[in-house]
Amino acid sequence: MRERDAAIRAENAVGRDFSEALARGLAVIEVFNASRPALSLADIARLVDLPRATVRRTLLTLVHLGYMVENGRLYTLRPSILKLAASYLGSDPIATILQPVCEHLAAELHATFSVAVLDGTDAVMVAYASPRKVQAHGLLEGIGLRLPAFCSAVGRVLLSSLSPEDAASFLKACTPEKVTAYTVVDKKRLKILWDAVRDDGYALVDQEAEIGYRALAVPLFRHDGRQVAALNVGVRIEQAAPDEMKRIFLPRLREEVENLRSQLL
């Protein structure tokens, strides 16, 4: 074990029980994305900052298990990797209950609907549906999509539920960067926006996460009143102005949230 890896293990709360092999395997999987669909051994070793021999063993294991395929010098993920996501989506009652909700809302209101939960600094979509005529256009779409929580409608709703201490910690650790020309990055203003979301019960974000799109989100509560997710609608800017979004979508979202409260345990 390298000296640096030994130091990391010593600092880990799990200690000697921490599995470096599993952590390395997950790190290798996570380097693949839309801009890096195929990578060489050297590329992966550089991205995960591990010795090539270690990465090679990890890749051979993933190929053997059917999660990855080797094409010449390049490695790509296989569709079987979705079994990992399916395990979460199938076991999470939020995703299971709310996927049909997103589908019927999309069909009824001809807009894109999604549900997100907070994961670190990102809002992650766990349910998603869009009319076919809309689905062909947007780039930011789909289950598993990660959006910066600080500048997305779903993210601001999720952040508004944090305790003052947790919100302060998030804001301190956060390094807001402009995603578009409209993205708010001033931390004092962000805190004001999150407080307003808590008071208003919804977040409306206009082209801060993606140019040409507006989004409106509301909190989803369990039966005991605890917020567990955010329900979101997104439209192209020519489809609805901000005031129209509040008039058309906000009452319907709030109605759906109230109907769902008793189902989210």
Protein backbone atom coordinates (compact mmCIF):
# COMPACT_ATOMS: atom_id res chain seq x y z
CA MET A 1 0.00 0.00 0.00
CA ARG A 2 1.30 3.44 -0.90
CA GLU A 3 2.15 5.76 1.96
CA ARG A 4 -0.59 8.15 0.89
CA ASP A 5 -3.20 5.35 0.77
CA ALA A 6 -2.13 4.20 4.22
CA ALA A 7 -2.65 7.72 5.52
CA ILE A 8 -6.13 7.85 3.94
CA ARG A 9 -7.03 4.53 5.58
CA ALA A 10 -5.79 5.80 8.96
CA GLU A 11 -8.02 8.87 8.66
CA ASN A 12 -11.07 6.83 7.60
CA ALA A 13 -13.59 6.22 10.37
CA VAL A 14 -14.01 2.60 9.24
CA GLY A 15 -10.29 1.97 9.72
CA ARG A 16 -8.90 -1.44 8.74
CA ASP A 17 -12.35 -2.66 7.71
CA PHE A 18 -12.47 -0.15 4.84
CA SER A 19 -12.26 -1.98 1.48
CA GLU A 20 -9.84 -0.17 -0.81
CA ALA A 21 -10.60 -2.66 -3.60
CA LEU A 22 -14.30 -1.81 -3.58
CA ALA A 23 -13.59 1.93 -3.36
CA ARG A 24 -11.23 1.68 -6.34
CA GLY A 25 -13.77 -0.23 -8.38
CA LEU A 26 -16.43 2.39 -7.76
CA ALA A 27 -13.97 5.19 -8.52
CA VAL A 28 -13.17 3.58 -11.87
CA ILE A 29 -16.87 3.29 -12.76
CA GLU A 30 -17.51 6.92 -11.84
CA VAL A 31 -14.93 8.38 -14.25
CA PHE A 32 -17.11 7.42 -17.23
CA ASN A 33 -19.69 9.97 -18.35
CA ALA A 34 -21.22 11.52 -21.47
CA SER A 35 -17.98 13.29 -22.39
CA ARG A 36 -15.82 10.25 -21.53
CA PRO A 37 -17.73 7.18 -22.81
CA ALA A 38 -14.55 5.24 -23.68
CA LEU A 39 -11.21 5.42 -21.88
CA SER A 40 -7.84 3.73 -22.04
CA LEU A 41 -6.08 2.16 -19.06
CA ALA A 42 -3.70 5.12 -18.96
CA ASP A 43 -6.60 7.61 -19.02
CA ILE A 44 -8.39 5.88 -16.16
CA ALA A 45 -5.25 5.55 -14.06
CA ARG A 46 -4.64 9.28 -14.47
CA LEU A 47 -8.22 10.25 -13.62
CA VAL A 48 -8.43 8.12 -10.47
CA ASP A 49 -4.79 8.76 -9.53
CA LEU A 50 -3.93 5.10 -9.02
CA PRO A 51 -1.10 2.86 -10.31
CA ARG A 52 -1.77 1.33 -13.72
CA ALA A 53 -1.34 -2.20 -12.33
CA THR A 54 -4.04 -1.54 -9.72
CA VAL A 55 -6.41 -0.07 -12.30
CA ARG A 56 -5.75 -2.99 -14.67
CA ARG A 57 -6.80 -5.52 -12.01
CA THR A 58 -9.93 -3.49 -11.33
CA LEU A 59 -10.80 -3.28 -15.03
CA LEU A 60 -10.27 -7.01 -15.59
CA THR A 61 -12.57 -7.73 -12.65
CA LEU A 62 -15.29 -5.41 -13.99
CA VAL A 63 -14.99 -6.98 -17.45
CA HIS A 64 -15.24 -10.47 -15.94
CA LEU A 65 -18.36 -9.47 -13.98
CA GLY A 66 -19.98 -8.08 -17.13
CA TYR A 67 -20.05 -4.44 -16.07
CA MET A 68 -17.46 -3.32 -18.63
CA VAL A 69 -16.17 -4.33 -22.06
CA GLU A 70 -12.70 -3.97 -23.58
CA ASN A 71 -12.46 -2.86 -27.19
CA GLY A 72 -8.83 -2.80 -28.21
CA ARG A 73 -7.15 -0.28 -25.91
CA LEU A 74 -10.43 1.27 -24.77
CA TYR A 75 -12.84 0.31 -22.00
CA THR A 76 -16.56 1.17 -21.96
CA LEU A 77 -19.38 0.47 -19.55
CA ARG A 78 -21.94 -2.18 -20.46
CA PRO A 79 -25.71 -1.78 -19.97
CA SER A 80 -25.50 -4.28 -17.10
CA ILE A 81 -24.07 -1.44 -14.98
CA LEU A 82 -27.68 -0.24 -14.78
CA LYS A 83 -28.38 -3.14 -12.43
CA LEU A 84 -26.66 -1.07 -9.74
CA ALA A 85 -29.00 1.86 -10.32
CA ALA A 86 -31.98 -0.50 -10.59
CA SER A 87 -31.22 -1.86 -7.13
CA TYR A 88 -31.58 1.63 -5.66
CA LEU A 89 -34.59 2.62 -7.73
CA GLY A 90 -36.38 -0.63 -6.96
CA SER A 91 -35.75 -0.46 -3.22
CA ASP A 92 -36.42 3.25 -2.72
CA PRO A 93 -40.14 3.86 -2.10
CA ILE A 94 -39.81 7.48 -3.21
CA ALA A 95 -38.65 6.51 -6.69
CA THR A 96 -41.11 3.62 -6.95
CA ILE A 97 -44.15 5.70 -5.95
CA LEU A 98 -43.25 8.89 -7.80
CA GLN A 99 -42.27 7.59 -11.24
CA PRO A 100 -45.94 6.99 -12.18
CA VAL A 101 -46.81 10.41 -10.73
CA CYS A 102 -44.28 12.10 -13.01
CA GLU A 103 -45.61 10.17 -15.98
CA HIS A 104 -49.24 11.16 -15.51
CA LEU A 105 -48.35 14.79 -14.78
CA ALA A 106 -46.24 14.95 -17.95
CA ALA A 107 -49.10 13.53 -20.01
CA GLU A 108 -51.64 15.85 -18.37
CA LEU A 109 -49.71 19.13 -18.47
CA HIS A 110 -47.36 18.55 -21.43
CA ALA A 111 -44.22 19.45 -19.52
CA THR A 112 -41.25 17.65 -18.00
CA PHE A 113 -41.64 16.45 -14.41
CA SER A 114 -39.05 14.97 -12.09
CA VAL A 115 -38.33 14.12 -8.46
CA ALA A 116 -34.95 14.72 -6.86
CA VAL A 117 -33.18 13.97 -3.60
CA LEU A 118 -30.11 15.64 -2.13
CA ASP A 119 -26.80 13.81 -2.51
CA GLY A 120 -23.86 15.84 -1.25
CA THR A 121 -23.83 19.10 -3.18
CA ASP A 122 -26.07 17.80 -5.97
CA ALA A 123 -29.75 17.24 -6.53
CA VAL A 124 -30.14 13.79 -8.14
CA MET A 125 -33.20 12.82 -10.21
CA VAL A 126 -34.78 9.57 -9.00
CA ALA A 127 -37.97 9.81 -11.09
CA TYR A 128 -38.51 11.50 -14.45
CA ALA A 129 -41.06 11.79 -17.26
CA SER A 130 -41.41 14.03 -20.27
CA PRO A 131 -43.76 14.27 -23.28
CA ARG A 132 -42.08 12.87 -26.36
CA LYS A 133 -42.24 16.18 -28.22
CA VAL A 134 -40.34 17.84 -25.36
CA GLN A 135 -37.97 15.01 -24.58
CA ALA A 136 -36.11 15.33 -27.86
CA HIS A 137 -34.83 18.83 -27.08
CA GLY A 138 -33.53 19.23 -23.54
CA LEU A 139 -30.00 18.20 -22.72
CA LEU A 140 -30.49 18.08 -18.96
CA GLU A 141 -32.87 15.18 -18.49
CA GLY A 142 -33.28 11.67 -17.17
CA ILE A 143 -33.10 9.53 -14.05
CA GLY A 144 -29.67 9.83 -12.49
CA LEU A 145 -29.12 13.38 -13.72
CA ARG A 146 -27.17 15.44 -11.20
CA LEU A 147 -27.71 19.19 -10.92
CA PRO A 148 -25.85 21.61 -8.66
CA ALA A 149 -28.17 22.02 -5.69
CA PHE A 150 -27.34 25.70 -5.15
CA CYS A 151 -28.70 26.87 -8.53
CA SER A 152 -31.47 24.41 -9.42
CA ALA A 153 -35.11 24.64 -8.38
CA VAL A 154 -35.14 21.14 -6.89
CA GLY A 155 -31.84 21.81 -5.15
CA ARG A 156 -33.05 25.00 -3.52
CA VAL A 157 -36.16 23.25 -2.26
CA LEU A 158 -34.03 20.46 -0.79
CA LEU A 159 -31.56 22.91 0.77
CA SER A 160 -34.40 24.91 2.30
CA SER A 161 -35.24 21.91 4.50
CA LEU A 162 -31.79 21.77 6.11
CA SER A 163 -31.32 22.86 9.69
CA PRO A 164 -29.65 26.27 10.11
CA GLU A 165 -26.44 24.50 11.16
CA ASP A 166 -26.44 22.14 8.16
CA ALA A 167 -27.34 24.98 5.77
CA ALA A 168 -24.46 27.06 7.10
CA SER A 169 -22.06 24.12 6.70
CA PHE A 170 -23.26 23.51 3.15
CA LEU A 171 -22.85 27.16 2.24
CA LYS A 172 -19.38 27.30 3.78
CA ALA A 173 -18.21 24.22 1.88
CA CYS A 174 -19.92 25.22 -1.36
CA THR A 175 -17.95 26.95 -4.11
CA PRO A 176 -20.65 28.32 -6.42
CA GLU A 177 -19.61 28.65 -10.05
CA LYS A 178 -21.64 30.12 -12.88
CA VAL A 179 -23.37 27.48 -14.96
CA THR A 180 -25.02 30.13 -17.14
CA ALA A 181 -24.89 33.91 -17.27
CA TYR A 182 -27.96 33.94 -14.98
CA THR A 183 -26.57 31.71 -12.21
CA VAL A 184 -26.53 33.34 -8.77
CA VAL A 185 -23.19 32.67 -7.08
CA ASP A 186 -23.12 35.26 -4.29
CA LYS A 187 -23.43 33.30 -1.04
CA LYS A 188 -25.36 36.00 0.84
CA ARG A 189 -27.91 36.18 -1.95
CA LEU A 190 -28.14 32.40 -2.09
CA LYS A 191 -28.94 32.28 1.63
CA ILE A 192 -31.71 34.84 1.06
CA LEU A 193 -33.10 32.76 -1.81
CA TRP A 194 -33.12 29.56 0.28
CA ASP A 195 -34.91 31.36 3.13
CA ALA A 196 -37.50 32.66 0.65
CA VAL A 197 -38.09 29.12 -0.64
CA ARG A 198 -38.75 27.96 2.93
CA ASP A 199 -41.24 30.77 3.47
CA ASP A 200 -42.95 30.52 0.06
CA GLY A 201 -43.05 26.75 -0.17
CA TYR A 202 -41.65 26.62 -3.70
CA ALA A 203 -38.60 27.57 -5.81
CA LEU A 204 -38.68 29.12 -9.27
CA VAL A 205 -35.36 29.15 -11.13
CA ASP A 206 -35.06 30.94 -14.47
CA GLN A 207 -32.19 29.75 -16.72
CA GLU A 208 -29.71 29.41 -13.86
CA ALA A 209 -29.09 25.68 -14.42
CA GLU A 210 -29.57 25.57 -18.19
CA ILE A 211 -30.04 28.28 -20.81
CA GLY A 212 -33.52 28.28 -22.30
CA TYR A 213 -35.22 26.44 -19.42
CA ARG A 214 -37.23 27.46 -16.37
CA ALA A 215 -38.06 25.16 -13.48
CA LEU A 216 -40.44 25.25 -10.54
CA ALA A 217 -40.18 22.85 -7.61
CA VAL A 218 -42.09 22.14 -4.41
CA PRO A 219 -41.16 20.04 -1.36
CA LEU A 220 -42.43 16.49 -0.93
CA PHE A 221 -43.28 15.51 2.64
CA ARG A 222 -43.67 12.21 4.45
CA HIS A 223 -46.79 11.47 6.45
CA ASP A 224 -45.06 12.87 9.56
CA GLY A 225 -44.22 16.19 7.91
CA ARG A 226 -40.55 15.50 7.19
CA GLN A 227 -39.35 16.66 3.78
CA VAL A 228 -37.87 13.79 1.76
CA ALA A 229 -37.63 15.02 -1.83
CA ALA A 230 -38.63 17.74 -4.27
CA LEU A 231 -41.13 17.57 -7.14
CA ASN A 232 -40.13 19.64 -10.16
CA VAL A 233 -41.57 20.84 -13.45
CA GLY A 234 -39.34 22.17 -16.22
CA VAL A 235 -40.29 23.99 -19.42
CA ARG A 236 -38.61 25.87 -22.22
CA ILE A 237 -38.78 29.63 -21.72
CA GLU A 238 -41.12 30.10 -24.68
CA GLN A 239 -43.56 27.58 -23.21
CA ALA A 240 -44.40 29.53 -20.05
CA ALA A 241 -43.34 32.80 -18.43
CA PRO A 242 -42.49 32.76 -14.69
CA ASP A 243 -45.92 34.10 -13.66
CA GLU A 244 -47.62 31.54 -15.92
CA MET A 245 -45.63 28.74 -14.30
CA LYS A 246 -46.86 29.79 -10.87
CA ARG A 247 -50.43 30.10 -12.14
CA ILE A 248 -50.56 26.89 -14.18
CA PHE A 249 -48.24 24.46 -12.40
CA LEU A 250 -47.90 25.50 -8.76
CA PRO A 251 -51.50 24.67 -7.66
CA ARG A 252 -51.31 21.30 -9.42
CA LEU A 253 -47.97 20.42 -7.84
CA ARG A 254 -49.21 21.34 -4.38
CA GLU A 255 -52.33 19.23 -4.92
CA GLU A 256 -50.23 16.24 -5.92
CA VAL A 257 -47.89 16.70 -2.96
CA GLU A 258 -50.80 16.68 -0.54
CA ASN A 259 -52.22 13.52 -2.13
CA LEU A 260 -48.85 11.79 -1.83
CA ARG A 261 -48.17 12.66 1.81
CA SER A 262 -49.85 9.57 3.23
CA GLN A 263 -48.02 7.26 0.78
CA LEU A 264 -44.49 8.38 1.70
CA LEU A 265 -43.60 6.50 4.86
